[in-house]
N, C-alpha and C. Protein backbone atom coordinates (compact mmCIF):
# COMPACT_ATOMS: atom_id res chain seq x y z
N MET A 1 32.24 67.07 -18.40
CA MET A 1 32.70 65.54 -17.90
C MET A 1 31.77 65.29 -16.56
N LYS A 2 31.15 66.30 -16.17
CA LYS A 2 30.17 66.15 -15.02
C LYS A 2 28.42 65.86 -15.50
N ARG A 3 28.72 66.17 -16.50
CA ARG A 3 27.48 66.13 -17.56
C ARG A 3 27.70 64.36 -18.19
N LEU A 4 29.01 63.99 -18.18
CA LEU A 4 28.95 62.37 -18.46
C LEU A 4 28.89 61.60 -17.28
N GLU A 5 29.11 61.82 -16.69
CA GLU A 5 29.25 61.22 -15.09
C GLU A 5 27.60 61.33 -14.53
N MET A 6 26.63 62.78 -14.81
CA MET A 6 25.65 62.07 -14.37
C MET A 6 24.79 61.91 -15.69
N ARG A 7 24.95 61.92 -16.22
CA ARG A 7 24.17 60.68 -17.55
C ARG A 7 24.53 59.19 -17.50
N THR A 8 25.91 59.26 -17.22
CA THR A 8 25.99 57.59 -16.68
C THR A 8 24.95 57.07 -15.72
N ALA A 9 24.87 57.97 -14.52
CA ALA A 9 24.41 57.56 -13.17
C ALA A 9 23.17 57.39 -13.50
N LYS A 10 22.37 58.21 -14.49
CA LYS A 10 20.91 58.17 -14.20
C LYS A 10 20.71 57.05 -15.50
N MET A 11 21.55 56.63 -16.28
CA MET A 11 21.37 55.45 -17.27
C MET A 11 21.17 53.98 -16.20
N ILE A 12 22.23 54.54 -15.12
CA ILE A 12 22.53 53.17 -14.22
C ILE A 12 21.29 53.09 -13.60
N GLY A 13 21.17 54.26 -13.01
CA GLY A 13 19.70 53.92 -11.98
C GLY A 13 18.58 53.21 -13.06
N ASN A 14 18.62 54.10 -14.14
CA ASN A 14 17.21 53.29 -14.77
C ASN A 14 17.17 52.11 -15.28
N THR A 15 18.66 51.30 -15.12
CA THR A 15 18.38 49.76 -15.61
C THR A 15 18.74 48.59 -14.42
N VAL A 16 18.46 49.76 -12.78
CA VAL A 16 18.78 48.86 -11.85
C VAL A 16 17.82 47.68 -11.33
N PRO A 17 16.52 48.15 -11.31
CA PRO A 17 15.45 47.51 -11.39
C PRO A 17 15.40 45.46 -12.50
N GLY A 18 15.75 46.22 -13.59
CA GLY A 18 16.00 45.20 -14.60
C GLY A 18 17.31 44.04 -14.52
N MET A 19 18.41 44.77 -14.24
CA MET A 19 18.98 44.21 -13.54
C MET A 19 19.13 43.10 -12.19
N LYS A 20 18.00 43.82 -11.02
CA LYS A 20 17.82 42.83 -9.81
C LYS A 20 17.25 41.85 -10.33
N ALA A 21 16.20 42.20 -11.11
CA ALA A 21 15.10 40.62 -12.00
C ALA A 21 15.72 40.05 -12.37
N ALA A 22 17.10 40.40 -13.12
CA ALA A 22 17.76 39.13 -13.88
C ALA A 22 18.93 38.59 -12.56
N THR A 23 19.06 39.65 -11.93
CA THR A 23 20.14 38.55 -10.77
C THR A 23 19.41 37.79 -9.84
N GLY A 24 17.97 38.20 -9.32
CA GLY A 24 17.15 37.26 -8.85
C GLY A 24 17.30 35.84 -9.92
N ALA A 25 16.40 35.84 -10.81
CA ALA A 25 16.24 34.71 -11.50
C ALA A 25 17.75 33.99 -11.54
N LEU A 26 18.51 34.39 -12.06
CA LEU A 26 20.04 33.49 -11.74
C LEU A 26 20.45 32.65 -10.59
N LEU A 27 20.21 33.75 -9.84
CA LEU A 27 20.09 33.53 -8.70
C LEU A 27 19.50 32.24 -8.02
N LEU A 28 18.37 32.12 -8.58
CA LEU A 28 17.30 31.03 -7.92
C LEU A 28 17.27 29.87 -8.79
N THR A 29 17.81 29.99 -10.26
CA THR A 29 18.29 28.98 -11.07
C THR A 29 19.51 27.94 -10.14
N ALA A 30 20.56 28.89 -9.88
CA ALA A 30 21.47 28.25 -8.98
C ALA A 30 20.89 27.87 -8.01
N CYS A 31 20.58 28.07 -7.23
CA CYS A 31 20.19 27.51 -6.19
C CYS A 31 19.05 26.25 -5.80
N LEU A 32 18.22 26.42 -7.21
CA LEU A 32 17.91 24.89 -7.31
C LEU A 32 18.68 23.90 -7.81
N ALA A 33 19.80 24.48 -8.70
CA ALA A 33 20.43 23.45 -9.11
C ALA A 33 21.64 22.53 -8.23
N LEU A 34 21.45 23.35 -6.96
CA LEU A 34 22.27 22.50 -5.63
C LEU A 34 21.45 22.21 -4.95
N PRO A 35 21.84 20.47 -4.40
CA PRO A 35 20.90 19.52 -3.50
C PRO A 35 21.06 19.82 -2.40
N GLY A 36 19.53 20.07 -1.64
CA GLY A 36 19.35 20.55 -0.62
C GLY A 36 19.10 22.32 -0.56
N CYS A 37 19.47 22.96 -1.37
CA CYS A 37 18.61 24.13 -1.51
C CYS A 37 17.44 24.48 -1.21
N ILE A 38 16.41 23.83 -2.22
CA ILE A 38 14.90 24.03 -1.90
C ILE A 38 14.11 22.81 -2.37
N SER A 39 13.44 22.46 -1.57
CA SER A 39 12.37 21.65 -1.13
C SER A 39 10.91 21.42 -2.06
N LEU A 40 10.52 21.35 -2.95
CA LEU A 40 9.11 21.54 -3.44
C LEU A 40 8.05 20.43 -3.12
N ALA A 41 9.00 18.81 -2.68
CA ALA A 41 8.04 18.14 -2.14
C ALA A 41 7.85 18.22 -1.03
N ALA A 42 6.46 16.71 -0.64
CA ALA A 42 6.25 16.74 0.57
C ALA A 42 7.17 15.78 1.55
N LYS A 43 7.06 15.94 2.93
CA LYS A 43 8.15 15.12 3.46
C LYS A 43 7.57 13.65 3.21
N PRO A 44 8.79 12.86 2.99
CA PRO A 44 8.75 11.78 2.70
C PRO A 44 8.25 10.96 3.87
N PRO A 45 7.47 10.06 4.28
CA PRO A 45 6.82 9.35 5.07
C PRO A 45 8.08 8.86 5.55
N GLU A 46 8.50 8.23 7.03
CA GLU A 46 9.63 7.35 7.68
C GLU A 46 9.52 5.97 7.65
N GLN A 47 8.20 5.37 7.44
CA GLN A 47 7.95 4.05 7.04
C GLN A 47 7.31 3.74 5.95
N LEU A 48 7.97 3.54 4.67
CA LEU A 48 6.79 2.55 4.03
C LEU A 48 6.29 1.12 3.89
N ILE A 49 5.29 0.42 4.16
CA ILE A 49 5.11 -0.40 4.40
C ILE A 49 4.20 -1.43 3.50
N ARG A 50 4.39 -2.77 3.22
CA ARG A 50 4.16 -3.66 2.26
C ARG A 50 3.58 -5.08 2.56
N LEU A 51 3.14 -5.62 2.11
CA LEU A 51 3.22 -7.04 2.64
C LEU A 51 3.89 -7.83 1.72
N THR A 52 4.40 -8.81 2.15
CA THR A 52 5.65 -9.88 1.39
C THR A 52 5.10 -11.43 2.10
N SER A 53 4.75 -11.82 1.22
CA SER A 53 4.54 -13.29 1.53
C SER A 53 5.71 -14.22 2.33
N GLU A 54 5.05 -14.80 2.97
CA GLU A 54 6.08 -15.85 4.09
C GLU A 54 6.11 -17.24 3.53
N GLU A 55 5.42 -17.59 2.43
CA GLU A 55 5.56 -18.83 1.35
C GLU A 55 5.46 -18.46 0.33
N THR A 56 6.06 -18.87 -0.42
CA THR A 56 6.50 -18.93 -1.98
C THR A 56 6.39 -20.24 -2.86
N ALA A 57 6.17 -20.20 -4.00
CA ALA A 57 6.03 -20.93 -4.82
C ALA A 57 8.01 -21.09 -5.01
N PRO A 58 8.79 -22.23 -4.87
CA PRO A 58 9.85 -22.53 -5.31
C PRO A 58 10.51 -21.70 -6.89
N ALA A 59 11.65 -21.17 -6.89
CA ALA A 59 11.68 -20.70 -8.37
C ALA A 59 11.90 -22.04 -9.06
N GLY A 60 11.20 -21.91 -10.34
CA GLY A 60 11.51 -23.02 -11.32
C GLY A 60 10.25 -23.91 -11.31
N ALA A 61 9.31 -23.05 -10.44
CA ALA A 61 8.47 -24.43 -10.51
C ALA A 61 7.19 -23.92 -11.11
N GLN A 62 6.73 -25.01 -12.04
CA GLN A 62 5.59 -24.83 -13.27
C GLN A 62 4.83 -25.46 -13.15
N VAL A 63 3.88 -24.75 -13.41
CA VAL A 63 1.95 -25.50 -12.80
C VAL A 63 1.43 -25.35 -14.37
N SER A 64 1.33 -27.04 -14.71
CA SER A 64 0.45 -26.77 -15.98
C SER A 64 -0.85 -27.20 -15.68
N SER A 65 -1.83 -26.41 -16.22
CA SER A 65 -3.17 -26.74 -15.91
C SER A 65 -4.28 -25.90 -16.73
N GLN A 66 -5.34 -26.19 -16.88
CA GLN A 66 -6.58 -24.76 -17.63
C GLN A 66 -7.10 -23.84 -16.91
N LEU A 67 -7.31 -23.22 -17.69
CA LEU A 67 -7.58 -22.01 -16.65
C LEU A 67 -9.13 -22.38 -16.13
N ALA A 68 -9.68 -23.18 -17.41
CA ALA A 68 -10.70 -23.72 -16.29
C ALA A 68 -10.62 -24.44 -14.62
N ASP A 69 -9.37 -24.82 -14.24
CA ASP A 69 -8.89 -25.11 -13.42
C ASP A 69 -8.53 -24.43 -12.43
N ALA A 70 -8.75 -23.30 -12.63
CA ALA A 70 -8.29 -22.49 -12.03
C ALA A 70 -8.42 -21.63 -10.75
N ILE A 71 -7.57 -21.34 -9.52
CA ILE A 71 -8.40 -20.64 -8.33
C ILE A 71 -7.67 -19.13 -9.05
N VAL A 72 -8.76 -18.02 -8.88
CA VAL A 72 -8.77 -16.87 -9.33
C VAL A 72 -9.25 -16.23 -7.99
N VAL A 73 -8.25 -14.97 -8.05
CA VAL A 73 -8.46 -14.32 -6.02
C VAL A 73 -8.72 -12.69 -6.71
N ALA A 74 -9.95 -12.65 -6.71
CA ALA A 74 -9.88 -11.25 -7.08
C ALA A 74 -9.77 -10.19 -5.79
N ASP A 75 -9.66 -9.14 -5.70
CA ASP A 75 -9.31 -7.97 -5.04
C ASP A 75 -10.74 -7.80 -3.48
N PRO A 76 -10.16 -7.64 -2.90
CA PRO A 76 -11.26 -7.81 -1.59
C PRO A 76 -11.84 -6.36 -1.78
N GLU A 77 -13.01 -6.55 -1.07
CA GLU A 77 -13.97 -5.14 -0.90
C GLU A 77 -13.11 -4.69 0.54
N ALA A 78 -13.48 -3.14 0.50
CA ALA A 78 -13.35 -2.61 1.80
C ALA A 78 -14.00 -1.00 2.24
N ASP A 79 -14.24 -0.65 3.08
CA ASP A 79 -14.65 0.50 3.09
C ASP A 79 -13.38 1.19 2.83
N ARG A 80 -14.20 2.82 3.36
CA ARG A 80 -13.15 3.61 2.76
C ARG A 80 -12.51 3.86 3.80
N SER A 81 -12.13 3.49 4.89
CA SER A 81 -11.19 4.32 5.77
C SER A 81 -9.96 2.79 5.63
N LEU A 82 -10.27 1.70 4.83
CA LEU A 82 -9.42 0.88 4.40
C LEU A 82 -8.84 1.18 3.01
N ASP A 83 -9.85 1.43 1.96
CA ASP A 83 -9.08 1.79 1.18
C ASP A 83 -8.16 3.13 0.28
N VAL A 84 -7.50 2.92 1.41
CA VAL A 84 -6.23 4.20 1.47
C VAL A 84 -4.67 4.16 1.52
N LEU A 85 -3.97 4.76 1.51
CA LEU A 85 -2.86 4.83 1.27
C LEU A 85 -2.10 4.51 3.04
N ARG A 86 -3.23 4.89 4.03
CA ARG A 86 -2.75 5.33 5.55
C ARG A 86 -3.17 4.52 6.40
N VAL A 87 -2.17 3.94 7.59
CA VAL A 87 -2.97 2.68 8.32
C VAL A 87 -3.95 3.44 9.04
N PRO A 88 -4.83 2.79 9.38
CA PRO A 88 -6.14 2.99 10.31
C PRO A 88 -5.71 2.81 11.82
N VAL A 89 -6.09 3.85 12.55
CA VAL A 89 -5.66 3.37 14.09
C VAL A 89 -7.00 3.45 15.03
N LYS A 90 -7.53 2.56 15.44
CA LYS A 90 -9.11 2.16 16.22
C LYS A 90 -8.88 3.01 17.34
N VAL A 91 -9.09 4.02 17.69
CA VAL A 91 -9.26 4.80 18.92
C VAL A 91 -9.91 4.36 20.25
N ASP A 92 -11.13 4.05 19.49
CA ASP A 92 -12.05 3.34 20.69
C ASP A 92 -13.46 3.05 19.74
N ALA A 93 -14.61 3.03 20.51
CA ALA A 93 -15.13 1.99 19.62
C ALA A 93 -15.99 2.54 18.21
N SER A 94 -16.14 4.50 18.37
CA SER A 94 -16.65 4.68 17.20
C SER A 94 -15.20 5.94 16.54
N GLY A 95 -13.86 5.86 17.59
CA GLY A 95 -12.92 7.05 16.71
C GLY A 95 -11.59 6.36 16.51
N LEU A 96 -11.54 6.92 14.93
CA LEU A 96 -10.46 6.27 13.89
C LEU A 96 -9.35 7.73 13.63
N SER A 97 -7.94 7.02 13.46
CA SER A 97 -7.60 8.17 13.01
C SER A 97 -6.61 7.07 12.37
N TYR A 98 -5.29 7.96 12.03
CA TYR A 98 -4.09 7.39 11.46
C TYR A 98 -2.59 7.34 11.78
N LEU A 99 -2.18 6.10 11.14
CA LEU A 99 -1.18 6.02 12.06
C LEU A 99 0.20 6.96 11.55
N LYS A 100 0.84 7.60 12.39
CA LYS A 100 1.84 9.02 11.85
C LYS A 100 2.87 8.30 11.49
N ASP A 101 3.58 8.94 10.14
CA ASP A 101 4.67 8.50 9.64
C ASP A 101 4.73 6.93 8.82
N ALA A 102 3.41 6.46 8.57
CA ALA A 102 3.35 4.94 7.83
C ALA A 102 2.38 4.85 6.79
N VAL A 103 3.40 4.97 5.10
CA VAL A 103 2.02 4.74 4.49
C VAL A 103 2.22 3.26 3.44
N TRP A 104 1.46 2.95 3.32
CA TRP A 104 1.20 1.58 2.39
C TRP A 104 2.13 1.75 1.13
N THR A 105 2.52 1.29 -0.01
CA THR A 105 3.12 1.38 -0.78
C THR A 105 2.09 1.32 -2.19
N GLU A 106 1.37 0.07 -1.41
CA GLU A 106 -0.09 0.22 -2.09
C GLU A 106 -1.08 -0.02 -1.58
N LYS A 107 -2.06 0.30 -2.03
CA LYS A 107 -3.79 0.19 -0.95
C LYS A 107 -3.86 -1.34 -0.69
N PRO A 108 -3.83 -1.55 0.89
CA PRO A 108 -3.68 -2.76 1.40
C PRO A 108 -4.69 -3.59 0.70
N THR A 109 -5.88 -3.50 0.04
CA THR A 109 -6.92 -5.10 -0.41
C THR A 109 -5.93 -5.13 -2.10
N ARG A 110 -5.28 -4.41 -2.09
CA ARG A 110 -4.71 -4.96 -3.33
C ARG A 110 -3.32 -5.83 -3.22
N GLN A 111 -2.89 -5.30 -1.75
CA GLN A 111 -1.46 -6.34 -1.43
C GLN A 111 -1.72 -7.76 -0.87
N MET A 112 -3.48 -7.63 -0.33
CA MET A 112 -3.98 -8.53 0.47
C MET A 112 -4.06 -9.75 -1.01
N ARG A 113 -4.08 -8.96 -1.88
CA ARG A 113 -4.85 -9.79 -2.93
C ARG A 113 -3.73 -10.80 -3.12
N THR A 114 -2.61 -9.92 -3.86
CA THR A 114 -1.58 -10.64 -3.97
C THR A 114 -0.88 -11.63 -2.73
N LEU A 115 -0.77 -11.38 -1.51
CA LEU A 115 -0.76 -11.84 -0.61
C LEU A 115 -1.39 -13.33 -0.60
N LEU A 116 -2.44 -13.42 -0.69
CA LEU A 116 -3.48 -14.57 -1.13
C LEU A 116 -2.86 -15.62 -1.68
N ALA A 117 -2.87 -14.86 -3.18
CA ALA A 117 -2.70 -15.46 -4.28
C ALA A 117 -1.21 -16.24 -4.01
N GLU A 118 -0.33 -15.25 -3.99
CA GLU A 118 1.39 -16.27 -3.49
C GLU A 118 1.18 -17.18 -2.69
N THR A 119 0.22 -16.99 -1.05
CA THR A 119 0.25 -18.27 -0.35
C THR A 119 -1.05 -19.34 -0.77
N LEU A 120 -1.68 -19.13 -1.56
CA LEU A 120 -2.45 -20.04 -2.28
C LEU A 120 -1.48 -21.01 -3.53
N ARG A 121 -0.38 -20.45 -4.03
CA ARG A 121 0.16 -21.33 -5.00
C ARG A 121 1.23 -21.79 -3.85
N ALA A 122 1.73 -21.57 -3.21
CA ALA A 122 2.75 -22.14 -2.23
C ALA A 122 2.00 -23.52 -1.54
N ARG A 123 0.84 -23.37 -0.91
CA ARG A 123 0.17 -24.23 -0.32
C ARG A 123 -0.65 -25.34 -1.11
N THR A 124 -1.06 -24.89 -2.23
CA THR A 124 -2.10 -25.81 -3.39
C THR A 124 -1.28 -26.09 -4.25
N GLY A 125 -0.69 -25.69 -4.53
CA GLY A 125 0.72 -26.58 -6.37
C GLY A 125 -0.64 -25.78 -7.36
N LYS A 126 -1.45 -25.33 -7.35
CA LYS A 126 -2.39 -25.59 -8.32
C LYS A 126 -2.28 -24.11 -8.77
N LEU A 127 -2.68 -23.71 -10.39
CA LEU A 127 -2.84 -22.85 -10.98
C LEU A 127 -3.45 -21.55 -10.07
N VAL A 128 -2.83 -20.12 -10.35
CA VAL A 128 -3.30 -19.06 -9.05
C VAL A 128 -3.18 -17.90 -10.24
N VAL A 129 -4.46 -17.70 -10.61
CA VAL A 129 -4.64 -16.37 -11.21
C VAL A 129 -4.93 -15.13 -10.25
N GLU A 130 -4.66 -13.88 -10.83
CA GLU A 130 -4.97 -12.57 -9.44
C GLU A 130 -5.96 -11.50 -10.89
N GLY A 131 -6.73 -11.02 -10.43
CA GLY A 131 -7.32 -9.68 -10.97
C GLY A 131 -8.66 -9.40 -11.76
N ILE A 132 -9.32 -8.73 -12.01
CA ILE A 132 -10.45 -9.09 -12.84
C ILE A 132 -10.15 -9.89 -14.11
N GLY A 133 -11.17 -10.29 -15.21
CA GLY A 133 -11.20 -10.67 -16.34
C GLY A 133 -11.01 -12.46 -16.01
N TYR A 134 -10.97 -12.51 -15.15
CA TYR A 134 -10.51 -14.21 -14.66
C TYR A 134 -12.15 -14.76 -14.08
N GLU A 135 -13.12 -14.04 -13.68
CA GLU A 135 -13.82 -14.45 -12.58
C GLU A 135 -14.77 -15.66 -13.66
N VAL A 136 -14.96 -15.56 -14.40
CA VAL A 136 -16.16 -16.95 -15.00
C VAL A 136 -15.29 -17.63 -15.68
N SER A 137 -13.76 -17.62 -15.61
CA SER A 137 -13.51 -18.84 -16.49
C SER A 137 -12.79 -19.46 -15.16
N GLY A 138 -12.52 -19.11 -14.31
CA GLY A 138 -11.85 -20.25 -13.31
C GLY A 138 -12.51 -21.38 -12.38
N LYS A 139 -12.29 -22.11 -11.79
CA LYS A 139 -13.24 -23.07 -11.34
C LYS A 139 -13.71 -22.48 -10.27
N THR A 140 -12.26 -21.78 -8.97
CA THR A 140 -12.70 -21.75 -8.05
C THR A 140 -12.28 -20.25 -7.84
N LEU A 141 -13.28 -19.45 -7.37
CA LEU A 141 -13.40 -17.82 -6.74
C LEU A 141 -12.92 -17.47 -5.40
N ILE A 142 -11.60 -16.98 -5.15
CA ILE A 142 -11.56 -16.14 -4.05
C ILE A 142 -12.35 -14.83 -3.71
N GLY A 143 -12.93 -14.30 -3.31
CA GLY A 143 -13.09 -12.70 -3.16
C GLY A 143 -13.43 -12.69 -1.68
N GLY A 144 -14.18 -11.25 -1.42
CA GLY A 144 -14.68 -11.48 0.17
C GLY A 144 -14.64 -9.84 0.53
N ARG A 145 -14.50 -9.72 2.00
CA ARG A 145 -14.27 -8.03 2.40
C ARG A 145 -13.14 -8.01 3.55
N LEU A 146 -12.21 -6.91 3.03
CA LEU A 146 -11.35 -6.26 4.42
C LEU A 146 -12.05 -5.94 5.39
N LEU A 147 -12.12 -6.41 6.71
CA LEU A 147 -12.56 -5.79 7.35
C LEU A 147 -11.84 -4.85 7.99
N ASP A 148 -10.58 -5.28 8.38
CA ASP A 148 -9.71 -4.87 9.53
C ASP A 148 -8.30 -5.12 8.81
N MET A 149 -7.28 -3.95 9.05
CA MET A 149 -6.29 -4.01 8.94
C MET A 149 -5.06 -3.02 9.06
N GLY A 150 -5.56 -3.16 10.70
CA GLY A 150 -4.94 -1.65 11.05
C GLY A 150 -4.08 -1.94 12.46
N TYR A 151 -4.48 -0.96 13.34
CA TYR A 151 -3.80 -0.91 14.66
C TYR A 151 -4.93 -0.66 15.75
N ASP A 152 -5.16 -1.86 16.65
CA ASP A 152 -6.27 -1.35 18.05
C ASP A 152 -5.86 -0.84 19.12
N ALA A 153 -5.83 1.04 19.08
CA ALA A 153 -5.04 1.20 20.10
C ALA A 153 -5.30 0.91 21.67
N PRO A 154 -6.67 0.66 22.25
CA PRO A 154 -7.27 -0.04 23.85
C PRO A 154 -6.10 -0.96 23.78
N THR A 155 -6.09 -2.15 23.06
CA THR A 155 -6.14 -3.45 23.12
C THR A 155 -4.21 -3.49 22.87
N ARG A 156 -3.65 -2.13 22.27
CA ARG A 156 -2.35 -2.09 21.79
C ARG A 156 -1.78 -3.57 21.09
N SER A 157 -2.61 -3.91 19.63
CA SER A 157 -2.51 -4.73 18.55
C SER A 157 -2.36 -4.39 17.56
N VAL A 158 -2.10 -5.59 16.57
CA VAL A 158 -2.44 -5.39 14.90
C VAL A 158 -3.20 -5.97 14.73
N VAL A 159 -4.60 -5.79 14.16
CA VAL A 159 -5.50 -6.85 13.64
C VAL A 159 -6.22 -6.90 11.99
N VAL A 160 -5.83 -8.01 11.47
CA VAL A 160 -6.20 -8.07 10.18
C VAL A 160 -7.37 -9.41 10.56
N ARG A 161 -8.55 -8.83 9.65
CA ARG A 161 -9.84 -9.68 9.88
C ARG A 161 -10.59 -9.75 8.08
N PHE A 162 -11.25 -10.90 7.95
CA PHE A 162 -11.11 -10.96 6.19
C PHE A 162 -12.05 -11.68 6.16
N ASP A 163 -13.45 -11.19 5.50
CA ASP A 163 -14.42 -12.31 5.61
C ASP A 163 -14.30 -12.72 3.66
N ALA A 164 -13.79 -14.39 3.90
CA ALA A 164 -13.87 -14.77 2.41
C ALA A 164 -15.04 -15.27 1.90
N ILE A 165 -14.96 -15.31 0.73
CA ILE A 165 -16.09 -15.85 0.07
C ILE A 165 -15.73 -16.91 -1.35
N ARG A 166 -15.66 -18.14 -0.88
CA ARG A 166 -15.31 -18.73 -1.92
C ARG A 166 -16.38 -19.46 -2.85
N THR A 167 -16.22 -19.19 -4.16
CA THR A 167 -17.91 -19.24 -5.12
C THR A 167 -17.17 -20.86 -6.31
N GLU A 168 -17.71 -21.84 -6.28
CA GLU A 168 -17.15 -22.60 -7.35
C GLU A 168 -18.12 -22.90 -8.03
N ARG A 169 -17.32 -22.85 -9.38
CA ARG A 169 -18.23 -22.95 -10.81
C ARG A 169 -19.41 -23.87 -10.61
N GLY A 170 -20.86 -23.15 -11.49
CA GLY A 170 -21.56 -24.14 -10.93
C GLY A 170 -21.85 -25.33 -9.95
N GLY A 171 -21.14 -24.61 -8.76
CA GLY A 171 -21.51 -25.15 -7.39
C GLY A 171 -21.83 -24.36 -6.06
N PRO A 172 -21.43 -24.46 -5.27
CA PRO A 172 -22.27 -23.45 -3.73
C PRO A 172 -21.13 -22.42 -3.86
N ILE A 173 -21.58 -21.39 -2.73
CA ILE A 173 -21.36 -19.73 -1.96
C ILE A 173 -20.65 -20.35 -0.60
N THR A 174 -19.16 -20.65 -0.37
CA THR A 174 -19.53 -20.80 0.93
C THR A 174 -18.52 -19.12 1.62
N THR A 175 -18.93 -18.92 2.85
CA THR A 175 -18.40 -17.54 3.48
C THR A 175 -17.50 -18.54 4.61
N ARG A 176 -16.83 -17.40 5.31
CA ARG A 176 -16.04 -17.62 6.34
C ARG A 176 -15.40 -16.95 6.75
N ARG A 177 -15.23 -16.37 8.15
CA ARG A 177 -13.99 -15.12 8.62
C ARG A 177 -13.00 -15.51 9.07
N PHE A 178 -11.78 -15.01 8.79
CA PHE A 178 -10.59 -15.12 9.59
C PHE A 178 -9.95 -14.08 10.16
N GLU A 179 -9.27 -14.15 11.00
CA GLU A 179 -8.88 -13.12 11.64
C GLU A 179 -7.02 -13.52 12.32
N ALA A 180 -6.38 -12.93 12.75
CA ALA A 180 -5.18 -12.92 13.35
C ALA A 180 -4.58 -11.65 14.07
N ARG A 181 -4.15 -11.69 15.10
CA ARG A 181 -3.71 -10.56 15.81
C ARG A 181 -2.38 -10.69 16.47
N VAL A 182 -1.74 -9.49 16.70
CA VAL A 182 -0.38 -9.42 17.00
C VAL A 182 -0.57 -8.36 18.33
N ALA A 183 -0.29 -8.94 19.43
CA ALA A 183 -0.35 -8.10 20.98
C ALA A 183 1.06 -7.22 21.00
N ASP A 184 0.80 -6.49 21.97
CA ASP A 184 1.96 -5.79 22.84
C ASP A 184 2.67 -5.29 21.54
N VAL A 185 2.28 -4.51 20.70
CA VAL A 185 2.48 -3.61 19.73
C VAL A 185 2.67 -1.90 20.00
N LYS A 186 4.21 -1.44 19.44
CA LYS A 186 4.25 0.11 20.25
C LYS A 186 3.00 0.86 19.08
N PRO A 187 2.66 2.16 19.07
CA PRO A 187 1.83 2.58 18.25
C PRO A 187 3.03 3.15 17.33
N GLU A 188 3.71 2.29 16.98
CA GLU A 188 5.54 3.58 15.86
C GLU A 188 5.24 2.36 14.58
N ALA A 189 5.68 3.46 13.39
CA ALA A 189 5.68 2.77 12.23
C ALA A 189 6.43 1.30 12.44
N SER A 190 7.48 1.98 12.79
CA SER A 190 8.16 0.83 12.63
C SER A 190 8.37 -0.75 13.27
N LYS A 191 7.19 -0.59 14.32
CA LYS A 191 6.78 -1.69 14.91
C LYS A 191 5.59 -2.13 14.22
N VAL A 192 4.42 -1.66 14.14
CA VAL A 192 3.29 -1.76 13.13
C VAL A 192 3.41 -2.22 12.05
N GLY A 193 4.46 -2.07 11.17
CA GLY A 193 4.51 -2.76 10.04
C GLY A 193 4.90 -4.12 9.77
N PRO A 194 5.96 -4.66 10.65
CA PRO A 194 6.09 -5.83 10.62
C PRO A 194 4.91 -6.64 11.13
N ALA A 195 4.41 -6.36 12.28
CA ALA A 195 2.96 -6.84 12.89
C ALA A 195 2.05 -6.91 11.70
N LEU A 196 1.99 -5.91 10.93
CA LEU A 196 0.90 -6.33 10.01
C LEU A 196 1.14 -7.61 9.08
N ASN A 197 2.21 -7.19 8.26
CA ASN A 197 2.90 -8.62 7.75
C ASN A 197 2.61 -9.61 8.16
N GLN A 198 3.01 -9.93 9.57
CA GLN A 198 3.05 -11.30 10.32
C GLN A 198 1.22 -11.49 10.88
N ALA A 199 0.46 -10.61 10.49
CA ALA A 199 -0.74 -10.76 10.89
C ALA A 199 -1.49 -11.14 9.51
N ALA A 200 -1.13 -10.55 8.48
CA ALA A 200 -1.55 -10.61 6.77
C ALA A 200 -1.43 -12.49 6.51
N ASN A 201 -0.19 -12.43 7.21
CA ASN A 201 0.57 -13.91 6.32
C ASN A 201 -0.28 -14.73 7.36
N ASP A 202 -0.30 -14.75 8.45
CA ASP A 202 -1.56 -15.59 9.51
C ASP A 202 -2.89 -16.18 8.63
N VAL A 203 -3.81 -14.38 8.38
CA VAL A 203 -4.74 -14.97 7.74
C VAL A 203 -4.91 -15.78 6.13
N ALA A 204 -3.46 -15.16 5.41
CA ALA A 204 -3.35 -16.11 4.07
C ALA A 204 -3.12 -17.46 3.96
N ARG A 205 -2.23 -17.52 5.30
CA ARG A 205 -2.52 -19.24 5.40
C ARG A 205 -3.71 -19.82 5.94
N GLN A 206 -4.32 -19.32 6.93
CA GLN A 206 -5.84 -19.70 6.83
C GLN A 206 -6.84 -20.20 5.98
N VAL A 207 -6.70 -19.21 5.21
CA VAL A 207 -7.31 -19.02 3.91
C VAL A 207 -7.01 -19.95 2.66
N ALA A 208 -5.99 -20.20 2.73
CA ALA A 208 -5.74 -21.24 1.73
C ALA A 208 -5.13 -22.85 2.18
N ASP A 209 -5.58 -22.96 3.59
CA ASP A 209 -5.93 -24.55 4.20
C ASP A 209 -6.91 -24.21 4.02
N TRP A 210 -8.24 -23.34 4.28
CA TRP A 210 -9.33 -23.57 3.97
C TRP A 210 -9.45 -24.22 2.79
N VAL A 211 -9.24 -23.52 1.44
CA VAL A 211 -9.14 -23.44 0.03
C VAL A 211 -8.76 -24.68 -0.05
N LYS A 212 -7.40 -25.61 0.64
CA LYS A 212 -7.20 -26.62 -0.04
C LYS A 212 -7.90 -27.75 0.61
N ALA A 213 -8.80 -27.86 1.89
CA ALA A 213 -9.41 -28.73 2.53
C ALA A 213 -10.69 -29.04 1.86
N GLN A 214 -11.01 -28.13 0.90
CA GLN A 214 -12.87 -27.85 0.57
C GLN A 214 -12.26 -29.46 -0.89
């Protein structure tokens, strides 16, 4: 009897490490199946920021026109500080940081293009198309460079600054700088986001009126 007990104890002792590994794997699988047990993803930002047009073409509106008469809106250019998904903060004349807990849903250059196009549709009533592939086909090309779209810490304001370039097919090229500011904004994602949308819409309206007046 004692020999049998000793043999059984020896067999159990030899299999304990494997049993521990199997048990650990089962526990890990069970844990992963439970919501909130473990997270392998980064903490999501508190504020996702996107630009929405304050002026849109009415539902059901239809524009019949030739592509040769269209207004084409291209992606603005921008330096690397703006060509990211984070919101830049100007600390001083040469210092730059990024706003905590705030992330663009899409790069601001692409969002500005979409905002400009929608505002142009609403204000001009003309055919407006976006993106590459139409530059040589449309009548009027609107491009340019996005110089600022972020928070200015010294003045506690949001700034959007855009150098627009208008090119007429077979005609002149004209440029103009547009700017909008929203003052007295707290350096918080929940405050900066709406202010950026307000300033960007202001610039888009200025550009649309400039194009319409030509």
